[in-house]
Structures are given as structure tokens and as C-alpha cells.
Amino acid sequence: MPKANKLVSIFGGRATHYLAKKIADSYGCELGKIEVFAFADGEFQPSFDENIRGHDVFIVQST
């Protein structure tokens, strides 16, 4: 159960959107909006489409 004074943001990667949505629903929050830019070497860079300052942030992403 979430603590009332904690701000939580949950985001899902490309292959894990469904799982991230289920986690967000069970936690009682909306799934956050994110863009993920992939580099040729396999690295990725998330770009959050909302303010996450002061939030506990969780990114659900498979390898």
C-alpha cells in the first residue's frame, strides 16, 4: 500500500508496457508517459514526459 506522503511514478519500457500498467494499477497510480531512445550500442535513454522531481521513480524494463 502506498504511503500518503510519497509521490510515486511508474514507467514501462517498450516490451514491458502491459506489466508496468498492471503494477501501476495495483499500486493505485497512473502509468507515466515516457519516450525511450535506443542507441546503436544497446544503451537506452528514457525521456520523461512529465515532472518527476521529488518522486520515487520505477522503470519496468526487461533486458
Protein backbone atom coordinates (compact mmCIF):
# COMPACT_ATOMS: atom_id res chain seq x y z
CA MET A 1 0.00 0.00 0.00
CA PRO A 2 1.46 3.40 -0.93
CA LYS A 3 2.35 5.87 1.78
CA ALA A 4 0.24 9.03 1.64
CA ASN A 5 3.25 11.37 1.68
CA LYS A 6 5.21 9.63 -1.12
CA LEU A 7 4.98 10.66 -4.77
CA VAL A 8 5.44 7.62 -6.99
CA SER A 9 5.84 7.43 -10.76
CA ILE A 10 5.89 4.12 -12.63
CA PHE A 11 7.02 3.86 -16.25
CA GLY A 12 7.17 0.94 -18.66
CA GLY A 13 9.66 0.19 -21.39
CA ARG A 14 8.71 -0.85 -24.90
CA ALA A 15 8.46 -4.58 -24.19
CA THR A 16 7.00 -4.27 -20.69
CA HIS A 17 4.13 -1.80 -21.08
CA TYR A 18 1.47 -4.36 -20.07
CA LEU A 19 3.37 -5.46 -16.94
CA ALA A 20 4.11 -1.86 -15.93
CA LYS A 21 0.41 -0.98 -16.36
CA LYS A 22 -0.61 -3.88 -14.10
CA ILE A 23 1.92 -2.78 -11.45
CA ALA A 24 0.71 0.84 -11.60
CA ASP A 25 -2.92 -0.29 -11.34
CA SER A 26 -2.16 -2.47 -8.31
CA TYR A 27 -0.28 0.42 -6.70
CA GLY A 28 -3.19 2.78 -7.38
CA CYS A 29 -1.44 5.23 -9.69
CA GLU A 30 -1.41 6.08 -13.39
CA LEU A 31 1.29 4.70 -15.67
CA GLY A 32 3.67 7.53 -16.54
CA LYS A 33 4.38 8.75 -20.07
CA ILE A 34 7.91 8.06 -21.30
CA GLU A 35 9.88 8.02 -24.54
CA VAL A 36 12.83 5.67 -24.78
CA PHE A 37 15.64 6.46 -27.19
CA ALA A 38 17.83 3.49 -28.14
CA PHE A 39 21.46 3.80 -29.16
CA ALA A 40 23.32 1.52 -31.59
CA ASP A 41 25.41 0.05 -28.75
CA GLY A 42 22.30 -1.22 -26.94
CA GLU A 43 22.14 1.55 -24.36
CA PHE A 44 18.92 3.49 -23.91
CA GLN A 45 17.94 6.89 -22.59
CA PRO A 46 14.50 7.48 -21.08
CA SER A 47 12.85 10.86 -21.55
CA PHE A 48 10.01 11.52 -19.13
CA ASP A 49 7.00 13.43 -20.46
CA GLU A 50 6.03 14.67 -17.01
CA ASN A 51 7.61 16.18 -13.92
CA ILE A 52 9.23 13.52 -11.71
CA ARG A 53 11.13 15.81 -9.35
CA GLY A 54 10.76 14.55 -5.79
CA HIS A 55 9.07 11.30 -6.88
CA ASP A 56 10.14 7.74 -6.25
CA VAL A 57 10.55 6.55 -9.87
CA PHE A 58 10.31 2.96 -11.08
CA ILE A 59 11.07 1.91 -14.66
CA VAL A 60 9.87 -1.58 -15.58
CA GLN A 61 12.15 -2.79 -18.39
CA SER A 62 13.30 -6.22 -19.48
CA THR A 63 16.82 -6.94 -20.69
